Each structure stands twice: as C-alpha cells, then as structure tokens.
Amino acid sequence: MSQLSGANAMADETAELSERVALSNKHALEVLIGSQQIVLEEILFASNEALDRARTETHLLAEFVSKLASVHSVRGIQAMVQECGQHQIDFIRRDCDRLFKHGQRLIDASLNLAGQRWRS
C-alpha cells in the first residue's frame, strides 16, 4: 500500500512539474512573439518617419527656394531668413514632440509585455 501512495505522490509531483514547465514555455513564447511584434512596429515606424521627414524637408527647401527667388532687397532677405528659420524651428519642435510620444509608447508597450509575464 505504501508503494501505491508513493507512486501517487510521484505522479502528482510529475504532473505539477509538467504544468509549471508548460506555463513557463507559454510565457517564453508570449515574450518572444511580443518582442517580435514590437521590433516590426519599430521598423515600420522608422520607415514612415524617414519618408515623412524627407517629404517635409523637401517642402521646406522648395519654400525656401521660392521665397529666395522672390526677394529683391537686403531687408527682404533678412525677413525671409527669419521666417524660414522660424518654420525650421517649428518643424524641429513638432518632430521632437512626435519622437518623444513615440518613445513613451514604446516604453509602455515594453512594460506591458514584461508585465504580462508577472500577471499570469
């Protein structure tokens, strides 16, 4: 009879260990898939940002050349440089704000991915 209870205890222990291993594998797979998703989103974001930045810089350059062609005096050049400089500063500010918000979103996604492991 003692052999039977020992076998039952060993079977329960094996089942518990198997369950913990399966849960551990599930968590590892979730982290792997979540990490892959974050990396793919980052690649997409970087390509969109590069395209958007090139488009905006091209627009600013075209605006600068157009204004430069229409200037006929030194005062006009000063006003044009000041106005174009302000446009460039506004662009840089918006770009930095957008990158900051993206960084915050990336941190939140990473923390969410890490937090899922501890909640389960």
PDB file of N, CA and C in Angstrom:
ATOM      1  N   MET A   1       0.816  -1.185   0.000  1.00  0.00           N
ATOM      2  CA  MET A   1       0.000   0.000   0.000  1.00  0.00           C
ATOM      3  C   MET A   1       0.863   1.253   0.000  1.00  0.00           C
ATOM      4  N   SER A   2       1.987   1.195   0.695  1.00  0.00           N
ATOM      5  CA  SER A   2       2.862   2.357   0.748  1.00  0.00           C
ATOM      6  C   SER A   2       3.494   2.627  -0.613  1.00  0.00           C
ATOM      7  N   GLN A   3       3.700   1.570  -1.399  1.00  0.00           N
ATOM      8  CA  GLN A   3       4.239   1.771  -2.741  1.00  0.00           C
ATOM      9  C   GLN A   3       3.224   2.502  -3.611  1.00  0.00           C
ATOM     10  N   LEU A   4       1.945   2.195  -3.433  1.00  0.00           N
ATOM     11  CA  LEU A   4       0.883   2.836  -4.201  1.00  0.00           C
ATOM     12  C   LEU A   4       0.779   4.313  -3.853  1.00  0.00           C
ATOM     13  N   SER A   5       0.836   4.666  -2.573  1.00  0.00           N
ATOM     14  CA  SER A   5       0.763   6.074  -2.177  1.00  0.00           C
ATOM     15  C   SER A   5       2.019   6.817  -2.632  1.00  0.00           C
ATOM     16  N   GLY A   6       3.158   6.151  -2.610  1.00  0.00           N
ATOM     17  CA  GLY A   6       4.400   6.768  -3.112  1.00  0.00           C
ATOM     18  C   GLY A   6       4.319   7.021  -4.610  1.00  0.00           C
ATOM     19  N   ALA A   7       3.721   6.085  -5.339  1.00  0.00           N
ATOM     20  CA  ALA A   7       3.550   6.249  -6.784  1.00  0.00           C
ATOM     21  C   ALA A   7       2.582   7.389  -7.083  1.00  0.00           C
ATOM     22  N   ASN A   8       1.502   7.493  -6.282  1.00  0.00           N
ATOM     23  CA  ASN A   8       0.540   8.591  -6.461  1.00  0.00           C
ATOM     24  C   ASN A   8       1.194   9.942  -6.178  1.00  0.00           C
ATOM     25  N   ALA A   9       2.003  10.018  -5.142  1.00  0.00           N
ATOM     26  CA  ALA A   9       2.693  11.262  -4.806  1.00  0.00           C
ATOM     27  C   ALA A   9       3.656  11.646  -5.922  1.00  0.00           C
ATOM     28  N   MET A  10       4.368  10.656  -6.461  1.00  0.00           N
ATOM     29  CA  MET A  10       5.308  10.924  -7.535  1.00  0.00           C
ATOM     30  C   MET A  10       4.560  11.365  -8.800  1.00  0.00           C
ATOM     31  N   ALA A  11       3.411  10.768  -9.071  1.00  0.00           N
ATOM     32  CA  ALA A  11       2.597  11.143 -10.229  1.00  0.00           C
ATOM     33  C   ALA A  11       2.095  12.581 -10.068  1.00  0.00           C
ATOM     34  N   ASP A  12       1.644  12.949  -8.873  1.00  0.00           N
ATOM     35  CA  ASP A  12       1.182  14.313  -8.618  1.00  0.00           C
ATOM     36  C   ASP A  12       2.329  15.308  -8.792  1.00  0.00           C
ATOM     37  N   GLU A  13       3.496  14.959  -8.282  1.00  0.00           N
ATOM     38  CA  GLU A  13       4.668  15.822  -8.397  1.00  0.00           C
ATOM     39  C   GLU A  13       5.062  15.997  -9.858  1.00  0.00           C
ATOM     40  N   THR A  14       5.019  14.924 -10.612  1.00  0.00           N
ATOM     41  CA  THR A  14       5.354  14.977 -12.037  1.00  0.00           C
ATOM     42  C   THR A  14       4.342  15.828 -12.796  1.00  0.00           C
ATOM     43  N   ALA A  15       3.074  15.688 -12.466  1.00  0.00           N
ATOM     44  CA  ALA A  15       2.027  16.480 -13.121  1.00  0.00           C
ATOM     45  C   ALA A  15       2.214  17.964 -12.823  1.00  0.00           C
ATOM     46  N   GLU A  16       2.533  18.275 -11.570  1.00  0.00           N
ATOM     47  CA  GLU A  16       2.744  19.676 -11.180  1.00  0.00           C
ATOM     48  C   GLU A  16       3.954  20.257 -11.901  1.00  0.00           C
ATOM     49  N   LEU A  17       5.024  19.492 -11.971  1.00  0.00           N
ATOM     50  CA  LEU A  17       6.228  19.924 -12.666  1.00  0.00           C
ATOM     51  C   LEU A  17       5.955  20.123 -14.153  1.00  0.00           C
ATOM     52  N   SER A  18       5.212  19.219 -14.753  1.00  0.00           N
ATOM     53  CA  SER A  18       4.856  19.337 -16.174  1.00  0.00           C
ATOM     54  C   SER A  18       4.022  20.590 -16.419  1.00  0.00           C
ATOM     55  N   GLU A  19       3.120  20.883 -15.500  1.00  0.00           N
ATOM     56  CA  GLU A  19       2.280  22.071 -15.616  1.00  0.00           C
ATOM     57  C   GLU A  19       3.122  23.349 -15.524  1.00  0.00           C
ATOM     58  N   ARG A  20       4.073  23.381 -14.615  1.00  0.00           N
ATOM     59  CA  ARG A  20       4.941  24.549 -14.467  1.00  0.00           C
ATOM     60  C   ARG A  20       5.828  24.737 -15.689  1.00  0.00           C
ATOM     61  N   VAL A  21       6.325  23.647 -16.245  1.00  0.00           N
ATOM     62  CA  VAL A  21       7.152  23.730 -17.457  1.00  0.00           C
ATOM     63  C   VAL A  21       6.318  24.245 -18.627  1.00  0.00           C
ATOM     64  N   ALA A  22       5.098  23.746 -18.760  1.00  0.00           N
ATOM     65  CA  ALA A  22       4.212  24.194 -19.836  1.00  0.00           C
ATOM     66  C   ALA A  22       3.891  25.681 -19.687  1.00  0.00           C
ATOM     67  N   LEU A  23       3.628  26.132 -18.462  1.00  0.00           N
ATOM     68  CA  LEU A  23       3.342  27.543 -18.215  1.00  0.00           C
ATOM     69  C   LEU A  23       4.560  28.403 -18.516  1.00  0.00           C
ATOM     70  N   SER A  24       5.719  27.913 -18.142  1.00  0.00           N
ATOM     71  CA  SER A  24       6.958  28.630 -18.422  1.00  0.00           C
ATOM     72  C   SER A  24       7.194  28.745 -19.928  1.00  0.00           C
ATOM     73  N   ASN A  25       6.947  27.677 -20.656  1.00  0.00           N
ATOM     74  CA  ASN A  25       7.079  27.710 -22.113  1.00  0.00           C
ATOM     75  C   ASN A  25       6.093  28.679 -22.742  1.00  0.00           C
ATOM     76  N   LYS A  26       4.878  28.711 -22.198  1.00  0.00           N
ATOM     77  CA  LYS A  26       3.858  29.635 -22.706  1.00  0.00           C
ATOM     78  C   LYS A  26       4.314  31.078 -22.514  1.00  0.00           C
ATOM     79  N   HIS A  27       4.848  31.403 -21.346  1.00  0.00           N
ATOM     80  CA  HIS A  27       5.328  32.762 -21.076  1.00  0.00           C
ATOM     81  C   HIS A  27       6.493  33.124 -21.986  1.00  0.00           C
ATOM     82  N   ALA A  28       7.390  32.190 -22.196  1.00  0.00           N
ATOM     83  CA  ALA A  28       8.532  32.450 -23.078  1.00  0.00           C
ATOM     84  C   ALA A  28       8.063  32.721 -24.504  1.00  0.00           C
ATOM     85  N   LEU A  29       7.095  31.967 -24.969  1.00  0.00           N
ATOM     86  CA  LEU A  29       6.548  32.162 -26.310  1.00  0.00           C
ATOM     87  C   LEU A  29       5.838  33.503 -26.423  1.00  0.00           C
ATOM     88  N   GLU A  30       5.083  33.892 -25.397  1.00  0.00           N
ATOM     89  CA  GLU A  30       4.398  35.190 -25.405  1.00  0.00           C
ATOM     90  C   GLU A  30       5.398  36.336 -25.462  1.00  0.00           C
ATOM     91  N   VAL A  31       6.483  36.235 -24.695  1.00  0.00           N
ATOM     92  CA  VAL A  31       7.515  37.281 -24.712  1.00  0.00           C
ATOM     93  C   VAL A  31       8.190  37.328 -26.071  1.00  0.00           C
ATOM     94  N   LEU A  32       8.478  36.187 -26.650  1.00  0.00           N
ATOM     95  CA  LEU A  32       9.120  36.130 -27.954  1.00  0.00           C
ATOM     96  C   LEU A  32       8.238  36.753 -29.033  1.00  0.00           C
ATOM     97  N   ILE A  33       6.973  36.392 -29.054  1.00  0.00           N
ATOM     98  CA  ILE A  33       6.054  36.936 -30.051  1.00  0.00           C
ATOM     99  C   ILE A  33       5.836  38.433 -29.822  1.00  0.00           C
ATOM    100  N   GLY A  34       5.679  38.834 -28.574  1.00  0.00           N
ATOM    101  CA  GLY A  34       5.503  40.260 -28.268  1.00  0.00           C
ATOM    102  C   GLY A  34       6.720  41.077 -28.653  1.00  0.00           C
ATOM    103  N   SER A  35       7.907  40.554 -28.404  1.00  0.00           N
ATOM    104  CA  SER A  35       9.140  41.252 -28.782  1.00  0.00           C
ATOM    105  C   SER A  35       9.236  41.390 -30.291  1.00  0.00           C
ATOM    106  N   GLN A  36       8.878  40.335 -30.991  1.00  0.00           N
ATOM    107  CA  GLN A  36       8.910  40.370 -32.447  1.00  0.00           C
ATOM    108  C   GLN A  36       7.931  41.419 -32.971  1.00  0.00           C
ATOM    109  N   GLN A  37       6.769  41.499 -32.382  1.00  0.00           N
ATOM    110  CA  GLN A  37       5.773  42.482 -32.793  1.00  0.00           C
ATOM    111  C   GLN A  37       6.288  43.903 -32.550  1.00  0.00           C
ATOM    112  N   ILE A  38       6.916  44.130 -31.410  1.00  0.00           N
ATOM    113  CA  ILE A  38       7.453  45.463 -31.108  1.00  0.00           C
ATOM    114  C   ILE A  38       8.548  45.832 -32.103  1.00  0.00           C
ATOM    115  N   VAL A  39       9.426  44.892 -32.442  1.00  0.00           N
ATOM    116  CA  VAL A  39      10.501  45.175 -33.400  1.00  0.00           C
ATOM    117  C   VAL A  39       9.922  45.501 -34.773  1.00  0.00           C
ATOM    118  N   LEU A  40       8.932  44.744 -35.219  1.00  0.00           N
ATOM    119  CA  LEU A  40       8.317  45.026 -36.516  1.00  0.00           C
ATOM    120  C   LEU A  40       7.619  46.385 -36.525  1.00  0.00           C
ATOM    121  N   GLU A  41       6.961  46.726 -35.435  1.00  0.00           N
ATOM    122  CA  GLU A  41       6.334  48.044 -35.341  1.00  0.00           C
ATOM    123  C   GLU A  41       7.383  49.153 -35.388  1.00  0.00           C
ATOM    124  N   GLU A  42       8.531  48.922 -34.759  1.00  0.00           N
ATOM    125  CA  GLU A  42       9.606  49.914 -34.776  1.00  0.00           C
ATOM    126  C   GLU A  42      10.179  50.094 -36.180  1.00  0.00           C
ATOM    127  N   ILE A  43      10.324  49.002 -36.908  1.00  0.00           N
ATOM    128  CA  ILE A  43      10.821  49.095 -38.288  1.00  0.00           C
ATOM    129  C   ILE A  43       9.838  49.888 -39.139  1.00  0.00           C
ATOM    130  N   LEU A  44       8.559  49.607 -38.994  1.00  0.00           N
ATOM    131  CA  LEU A  44       7.535  50.337 -39.730  1.00  0.00           C
ATOM    132  C   LEU A  44       7.535  51.811 -39.349  1.00  0.00           C
ATOM    133  N   PHE A  45       7.637  52.093 -38.060  1.00  0.00           N
ATOM    134  CA  PHE A  45       7.657  53.485 -37.607  1.00  0.00           C
ATOM    135  C   PHE A  45       8.871  54.216 -38.173  1.00  0.00           C
ATOM    136  N   ALA A  46      10.041  53.586 -38.131  1.00  0.00           N
ATOM    137  CA  ALA A  46      11.261  54.232 -38.631  1.00  0.00           C
ATOM    138  C   ALA A  46      11.161  54.535 -40.122  1.00  0.00           C
ATOM    139  N   SER A  47      10.618  53.609 -40.892  1.00  0.00           N
ATOM    140  CA  SER A  47      10.493  53.859 -42.336  1.00  0.00           C
ATOM    141  C   SER A  47       9.486  54.973 -42.608  1.00  0.00           C
ATOM    142  N   ASN A  48       8.375  54.989 -41.881  1.00  0.00           N
ATOM    143  CA  ASN A  48       7.396  56.069 -42.051  1.00  0.00           C
ATOM    144  C   ASN A  48       7.974  57.420 -41.633  1.00  0.00           C
ATOM    145  N   GLU A  49       8.733  57.433 -40.554  1.00  0.00           N
ATOM    146  CA  GLU A  49       9.349  58.680 -40.098  1.00  0.00           C
ATOM    147  C   GLU A  49      10.369  59.201 -41.110  1.00  0.00           C
ATOM    148  N   ALA A  50      11.169  58.310 -41.673  1.00  0.00           N
ATOM    149  CA  ALA A  50      12.164  58.725 -42.667  1.00  0.00           C
ATOM    150  C   ALA A  50      11.473  59.314 -43.897  1.00  0.00           C
ATOM    151  N   LEU A  51      10.419  58.679 -44.356  1.00  0.00           N
ATOM    152  CA  LEU A  51       9.683  59.180 -45.513  1.00  0.00           C
ATOM    153  C   LEU A  51       9.025  60.524 -45.199  1.00  0.00           C
ATOM    154  N   ASP A  52       8.409  60.631 -44.039  1.00  0.00           N
ATOM    155  CA  ASP A  52       7.755  61.878 -43.650  1.00  0.00           C
ATOM    156  C   ASP A  52       8.768  63.008 -43.501  1.00  0.00           C
ATOM    157  N   ARG A  53       9.901  62.696 -42.905  1.00  0.00           N
ATOM    158  CA  ARG A  53      10.934  63.726 -42.724  1.00  0.00           C
ATOM    159  C   ARG A  53      11.478  64.195 -44.068  1.00  0.00           C
ATOM    160  N   ALA A  54      11.723  63.264 -44.979  1.00  0.00           N
ATOM    161  CA  ALA A  54      12.219  63.640 -46.311  1.00  0.00           C
ATOM    162  C   ALA A  54      11.196  64.505 -47.043  1.00  0.00           C
ATOM    163  N   ARG A  55       9.918  64.146 -46.924  1.00  0.00           N
ATOM    164  CA  ARG A  55       8.864  64.932 -47.567  1.00  0.00           C
ATOM    165  C   ARG A  55       8.803  66.339 -46.982  1.00  0.00           C
ATOM    166  N   THR A  56       8.876  66.451 -45.672  1.00  0.00           N
ATOM    167  CA  THR A  56       8.801  67.762 -45.023  1.00  0.00           C
ATOM    168  C   THR A  56      10.026  68.611 -45.350  1.00  0.00           C
ATOM    169  N   GLU A  57      11.201  67.996 -45.317  1.00  0.00           N
ATOM    170  CA  GLU A  57      12.420  68.742 -45.647  1.00  0.00           C
ATOM    171  C   GLU A  57      12.393  69.218 -47.098  1.00  0.00           C
ATOM    172  N   THR A  58      11.883  68.394 -47.992  1.00  0.00           N
ATOM    173  CA  THR A  58      11.770  68.793 -49.398  1.00  0.00           C
ATOM    174  C   THR A  58      10.811  69.968 -49.538  1.00  0.00           C
ATOM    175  N   HIS A  59       9.699  69.916 -48.815  1.00  0.00           N
ATOM    176  CA  HIS A  59       8.740  71.021 -48.840  1.00  0.00           C
ATOM    177  C   HIS A  59       9.374  72.308 -48.305  1.00  0.00           C
ATOM    178  N   LEU A  60      10.108  72.196 -47.196  1.00  0.00           N
ATOM    179  CA  LEU A  60      10.758  73.379 -46.631  1.00  0.00           C
ATOM    180  C   LEU A  60      11.805  73.943 -47.589  1.00  0.00           C
ATOM    181  N   LEU A  61      12.561  73.073 -48.257  1.00  0.00           N
ATOM    182  CA  LEU A  61      13.557  73.542 -49.216  1.00  0.00           C
ATOM    183  C   LEU A  61      12.891  74.233 -50.404  1.00  0.00           C
ATOM    184  N   ALA A  62      11.809  73.663 -50.914  1.00  0.00           N
ATOM    185  CA  ALA A  62      11.089  74.283 -52.026  1.00  0.00           C
ATOM    186  C   ALA A  62      10.535  75.645 -51.621  1.00  0.00           C
ATOM    187  N   GLU A  63      10.019  75.735 -50.404  1.00  0.00           N
ATOM    188  CA  GLU A  63       9.512  77.019 -49.902  1.00  0.00           C
ATOM    189  C   GLU A  63      10.642  78.032 -49.784  1.00  0.00           C
ATOM    190  N   PHE A  64      11.795  77.581 -49.277  1.00  0.00           N
ATOM    191  CA  PHE A  64      12.950  78.476 -49.144  1.00  0.00           C
ATOM    192  C   PHE A  64      13.405  78.982 -50.512  1.00  0.00           C
ATOM    193  N   VAL A  65      13.527  78.100 -51.485  1.00  0.00           N
ATOM    194  CA  VAL A  65      13.972  78.498 -52.824  1.00  0.00           C
ATOM    195  C   VAL A  65      12.960  79.447 -53.452  1.00  0.00           C
ATOM    196  N   SER A  66      11.679  79.182 -53.277  1.00  0.00           N
ATOM    197  CA  SER A  66      10.640  80.052 -53.823  1.00  0.00           C
ATOM    198  C   SER A  66      10.719  81.447 -53.213  1.00  0.00           C
ATOM    199  N   LYS A  67      10.885  81.521 -51.920  1.00  0.00           N
ATOM    200  CA  LYS A  67      10.980  82.822 -51.253  1.00  0.00           C
ATOM    201  C   LYS A  67      12.277  83.540 -51.637  1.00  0.00           C
ATOM    202  N   LEU A  68      13.354  82.781 -51.763  1.00  0.00           N
ATOM    203  CA  LEU A  68      14.633  83.372 -52.152  1.00  0.00           C
ATOM    204  C   LEU A  68      14.550  83.970 -53.548  1.00  0.00           C
ATOM    205  N   ALA A  69      13.826  83.318 -54.436  1.00  0.00           N
ATOM    206  CA  ALA A  69      13.681  83.818 -55.804  1.00  0.00           C
ATOM    207  C   ALA A  69      12.839  85.089 -55.850  1.00  0.00           C
ATOM    208  N   SER A  70      11.943  85.266 -54.885  1.00  0.00           N
ATOM    209  CA  SER A  70      11.060  86.440 -54.907  1.00  0.00           C
ATOM    210  C   SER A  70      11.619  87.633 -54.130  1.00  0.00           C
ATOM    211  N   VAL A  71      12.783  87.475 -53.494  1.00  0.00           N
ATOM    212  CA  VAL A  71      13.364  88.554 -52.689  1.00  0.00           C
ATOM    213  C   VAL A  71      14.162  89.487 -53.597  1.00  0.00           C
ATOM    214  N   HIS A  72      13.989  90.812 -53.345  1.00  0.00           N
ATOM    215  CA  HIS A  72      14.669  91.801 -54.186  1.00  0.00           C
ATOM    216  C   HIS A  72      15.499  92.797 -53.387  1.00  0.00           C
ATOM    217  N   SER A  73      15.567  92.645 -52.056  1.00  0.00           N
ATOM    218  CA  SER A  73      16.335  93.593 -51.257  1.00  0.00           C
ATOM    219  C   SER A  73      16.957  92.884 -50.060  1.00  0.00           C
ATOM    220  N   VAL A  74      17.881  93.608 -49.397  1.00  0.00           N
ATOM    221  CA  VAL A  74      18.538  93.045 -48.219  1.00  0.00           C
ATOM    222  C   VAL A  74      17.521  92.838 -47.097  1.00  0.00           C
ATOM    223  N   ARG A  75      16.620  93.802 -46.923  1.00  0.00           N
ATOM    224  CA  ARG A  75      15.583  93.648 -45.896  1.00  0.00           C
ATOM    225  C   ARG A  75      14.689  92.453 -46.197  1.00  0.00           C
ATOM    226  N   GLY A  76      14.415  92.251 -47.445  1.00  0.00           N
ATOM    227  CA  GLY A  76      13.614  91.095 -47.847  1.00  0.00           C
ATOM    228  C   GLY A  76      14.330  89.791 -47.521  1.00  0.00           C
ATOM    229  N   ILE A  77      15.650  89.777 -47.720  1.00  0.00           N
ATOM    230  CA  ILE A  77      16.431  88.578 -47.387  1.00  0.00           C
ATOM    231  C   ILE A  77      16.400  88.328 -45.889  1.00  0.00           C
ATOM    232  N   GLN A  78      16.556  89.397 -45.103  1.00  0.00           N
ATOM    233  CA  GLN A  78      16.508  89.242 -43.654  1.00  0.00           C
ATOM    234  C   GLN A  78      15.155  88.705 -43.200  1.00  0.00           C
ATOM    235  N   ALA A  79      14.075  89.244 -43.736  1.00  0.00           N
ATOM    236  CA  ALA A  79      12.734  88.786 -43.363  1.00  0.00           C
ATOM    237  C   ALA A  79      12.532  87.329 -43.791  1.00  0.00           C
ATOM    238  N   MET A  80      13.028  86.993 -44.991  1.00  0.00           N
ATOM    239  CA  MET A  80      12.880  85.632 -45.493  1.00  0.00           C
ATOM    240  C   MET A  80      13.666  84.644 -44.627  1.00  0.00           C
ATOM    241  N   VAL A  81      14.886  84.985 -44.258  1.00  0.00           N
ATOM    242  CA  VAL A  81      15.699  84.106 -43.417  1.00  0.00           C
ATOM    243  C   VAL A  81      15.045  83.927 -42.051  1.00  0.00           C
ATOM    244  N   GLN A  82      14.505  84.998 -41.498  1.00  0.00           N
ATOM    245  CA  GLN A  82      13.835  84.905 -40.209  1.00  0.00           C
ATOM    246  C   GLN A  82      12.587  84.023 -40.296  1.00  0.00           C
ATOM    247  N   GLU A  83      11.789  84.209 -41.331  1.00  0.00           N
ATOM    248  CA  GLU A  83      10.577  83.416 -41.493  1.00  0.00           C
ATOM    249  C   GLU A  83      10.899  81.942 -41.747  1.00  0.00           C
ATOM    250  N   CYS A  84      11.873  81.677 -42.615  1.00  0.00           N
ATOM    251  CA  CYS A  84      12.239  80.284 -42.899  1.00  0.00           C
ATOM    252  C   CYS A  84      12.890  79.629 -41.681  1.00  0.00           C
ATOM    253  N   GLY A  85      13.660  80.400 -40.936  1.00  0.00           N
ATOM    254  CA  GLY A  85      14.242  79.879 -39.704  1.00  0.00           C
ATOM    255  C   GLY A  85      13.171  79.499 -38.700  1.00  0.00           C
ATOM    256  N   GLN A  86      12.136  80.319 -38.612  1.00  0.00           N
ATOM    257  CA  GLN A  86      11.023  80.008 -37.704  1.00  0.00           C
ATOM    258  C   GLN A  86      10.294  78.738 -38.140  1.00  0.00           C
ATOM    259  N   HIS A  87      10.106  78.583 -39.463  1.00  0.00           N
ATOM    260  CA  HIS A  87       9.479  77.351 -39.967  1.00  0.00           C
ATOM    261  C   HIS A  87      10.319  76.130 -39.607  1.00  0.00           C
ATOM    262  N   GLN A  88      11.635  76.252 -39.731  1.00  0.00           N
ATOM    263  CA  GLN A  88      12.529  75.131 -39.424  1.00  0.00           C
ATOM    264  C   GLN A  88      12.479  74.800 -37.924  1.00  0.00           C
ATOM    265  N   ILE A  89      12.461  75.826 -37.090  1.00  0.00           N
ATOM    266  CA  ILE A  89      12.378  75.611 -35.639  1.00  0.00           C
ATOM    267  C   ILE A  89      11.051  74.942 -35.274  1.00  0.00           C
ATOM    268  N   ASP A  90       9.955  75.378 -35.893  1.00  0.00           N
ATOM    269  CA  ASP A  90       8.650  74.754 -35.641  1.00  0.00           C
ATOM    270  C   ASP A  90       8.657  73.290 -36.062  1.00  0.00           C
ATOM    271  N   PHE A  91       9.282  73.012 -37.209  1.00  0.00           N
ATOM    272  CA  PHE A  91       9.373  71.635 -37.680  1.00  0.00           C
ATOM    273  C   PHE A  91      10.164  70.776 -36.700  1.00  0.00           C
ATOM    274  N   ILE A  92      11.275  71.273 -36.227  1.00  0.00           N
ATOM    275  CA  ILE A  92      12.109  70.520 -35.283  1.00  0.00           C
ATOM    276  C   ILE A  92      11.354  70.280 -33.979  1.00  0.00           C
ATOM    277  N   ARG A  93      10.621  71.283 -33.504  1.00  0.00           N
ATOM    278  CA  ARG A  93       9.836  71.129 -32.276  1.00  0.00           C
ATOM    279  C   ARG A  93       8.767  70.047 -32.441  1.00  0.00           C
ATOM    280  N   ARG A  94       8.025  70.092 -33.555  1.00  0.00           N
ATOM    281  CA  ARG A  94       6.994  69.070 -33.801  1.00  0.00           C
ATOM    282  C   ARG A  94       7.617  67.687 -33.941  1.00  0.00           C
ATOM    283  N   ASP A  95       8.767  67.630 -34.601  1.00  0.00           N
ATOM    284  CA  ASP A  95       9.453  66.350 -34.783  1.00  0.00           C
ATOM    285  C   ASP A  95       9.900  65.776 -33.440  1.00  0.00           C
ATOM    286  N   CYS A  96      10.446  66.626 -32.581  1.00  0.00           N
ATOM    287  CA  CYS A  96      10.878  66.167 -31.250  1.00  0.00           C
ATOM    288  C   CYS A  96       9.684  65.731 -30.404  1.00  0.00           C
ATOM    289  N   ASP A  97       8.583  66.464 -30.475  1.00  0.00           N
ATOM    290  CA  ASP A  97       7.370  66.071 -29.744  1.00  0.00           C
ATOM    291  C   ASP A  97       6.864  64.711 -30.216  1.00  0.00           C
ATOM    292  N   ARG A  98       6.867  64.520 -31.534  1.00  0.00           N
ATOM    293  CA  ARG A  98       6.397  63.249 -32.083  1.00  0.00           C
ATOM    294  C   ARG A  98       7.307  62.101 -31.659  1.00  0.00           C
ATOM    295  N   LEU A  99       8.611  62.320 -31.685  1.00  0.00           N
ATOM    296  CA  LEU A  99       9.543  61.276 -31.265  1.00  0.00           C
ATOM    297  C   LEU A  99       9.432  60.988 -29.771  1.00  0.00           C
ATOM    298  N   PHE A 100       9.199  62.013 -28.967  1.00  0.00           N
ATOM    299  CA  PHE A 100       9.013  61.805 -27.534  1.00  0.00           C
ATOM    300  C   PHE A 100       7.772  60.958 -27.268  1.00  0.00           C
ATOM    301  N   LYS A 101       6.668  61.274 -27.959  1.00  0.00           N
ATOM    302  CA  LYS A 101       5.444  60.490 -27.782  1.00  0.00           C
ATOM    303  C   LYS A 101       5.655  59.046 -28.237  1.00  0.00           C
ATOM    304  N   HIS A 102       6.415  58.879 -29.309  1.00  0.00           N
ATOM    305  CA  HIS A 102       6.689  57.519 -29.776  1.00  0.00           C
ATOM    306  C   HIS A 102       7.539  56.760 -28.755  1.00  0.00           C
ATOM    307  N   GLY A 103       8.536  57.420 -28.202  1.00  0.00           N
ATOM    308  CA  GLY A 103       9.362  56.785 -27.176  1.00  0.00           C
ATOM    309  C   GLY A 103       8.542  56.371 -25.973  1.00  0.00           C
ATOM    310  N   GLN A 104       7.607  57.213 -25.580  1.00  0.00           N
ATOM    311  CA  GLN A 104       6.730  56.888 -24.458  1.00  0.00           C
ATOM    312  C   GLN A 104       5.856  55.681 -24.796  1.00  0.00           C
ATOM    313  N   ARG A 105       5.351  55.629 -26.034  1.00  0.00           N
ATOM    314  CA  ARG A 105       4.528  54.495 -26.453  1.00  0.00           C
ATOM    315  C   ARG A 105       5.345  53.205 -26.473  1.00  0.00           C
ATOM    316  N   LEU A 106       6.599  53.311 -26.916  1.00  0.00           N
ATOM    317  CA  LEU A 106       7.476  52.138 -26.956  1.00  0.00           C
ATOM    318  C   LEU A 106       7.770  51.634 -25.541  1.00  0.00           C
ATOM    319  N   ILE A 107       8.024  52.535 -24.621  1.00  0.00           N
ATOM    320  CA  ILE A 107       8.273  52.149 -23.232  1.00  0.00           C
ATOM    321  C   ILE A 107       7.038  51.494 -22.634  1.00  0.00           C
ATOM    322  N   ASP A 108       5.861  52.077 -22.907  1.00  0.00           N
ATOM    323  CA  ASP A 108       4.619  51.488 -22.397  1.00  0.00           C
ATOM    324  C   ASP A 108       4.393  50.088 -22.958  1.00  0.00           C
ATOM    325  N   ALA A 109       4.668  49.905 -24.257  1.00  0.00           N
ATOM    326  CA  ALA A 109       4.488  48.585 -24.873  1.00  0.00           C
ATOM    327  C   ALA A 109       5.461  47.574 -24.269  1.00  0.00           C
ATOM    328  N   SER A 110       6.695  47.998 -24.033  1.00  0.00           N
ATOM    329  CA  SER A 110       7.689  47.094 -23.443  1.00  0.00           C
ATOM    330  C   SER A 110       7.316  46.725 -22.010  1.00  0.00           C
ATOM    331  N   LEU A 111       6.872  47.709 -21.245  1.00  0.00           N
ATOM    332  CA  LEU A 111       6.448  47.428 -19.871  1.00  0.00           C
ATOM    333  C   LEU A 111       5.213  46.529 -19.847  1.00  0.00           C
ATOM    334  N   ASN A 112       4.314  46.753 -20.791  1.00  0.00           N
ATOM    335  CA  ASN A 112       3.121  45.912 -20.880  1.00  0.00           C
ATOM    336  C   ASN A 112       3.509  44.474 -21.202  1.00  0.00           C
ATOM    337  N   LEU A 113       4.473  44.312 -22.118  1.00  0.00           N
ATOM    338  CA  LEU A 113       4.945  42.980 -22.480  1.00  0.00           C
ATOM    339  C   LEU A 113       5.588  42.289 -21.283  1.00  0.00           C
ATOM    340  N   ALA A 114       6.426  43.015 -20.551  1.00  0.00           N
ATOM    341  CA  ALA A 114       7.062  42.448 -19.366  1.00  0.00           C
ATOM    342  C   ALA A 114       6.046  42.212 -18.248  1.00  0.00           C
ATOM    343  N   GLY A 115       5.056  43.102 -18.149  1.00  0.00           N
ATOM    344  CA  GLY A 115       4.045  42.969 -17.095  1.00  0.00           C
ATOM    345  C   GLY A 115       3.122  41.797 -17.293  1.00  0.00           C
ATOM    346  N   GLN A 116       2.899  41.402 -18.539  1.00  0.00           N
ATOM    347  CA  GLN A 116       2.027  40.254 -18.798  1.00  0.00           C
ATOM    348  C   GLN A 116       2.622  38.988 -18.193  1.00  0.00           C
ATOM    349  N   ARG A 117       3.916  38.896 -18.183  1.00  0.00           N
ATOM    350  CA  ARG A 117       4.577  37.711 -17.667  1.00  0.00           C
ATOM    351  C   ARG A 117       4.330  37.577 -16.166  1.00  0.00           C
ATOM    352  N   TRP A 118       4.334  38.701 -15.457  1.00  0.00           N
ATOM    353  CA  TRP A 118       4.196  38.648 -13.993  1.00  0.00           C
ATOM    354  C   TRP A 118       2.746  38.528 -13.553  1.00  0.00           C
ATOM    355  N   ARG A 119       1.807  38.993 -14.386  1.00  0.00           N
ATOM    356  CA  ARG A 119       0.390  38.914 -14.010  1.00  0.00           C
ATOM    357  C   ARG A 119      -0.148  37.490 -14.135  1.00  0.00           C
ATOM    358  N   SER A 120       0.360  36.735 -15.093  1.00  0.00           N
ATOM    359  CA  SER A 120      -0.178  35.390 -15.351  1.00  0.00           C
ATOM    360  C   SER A 120       0.231  34.417 -14.281  1.00  0.00           C
TER     361      SER A 120
END
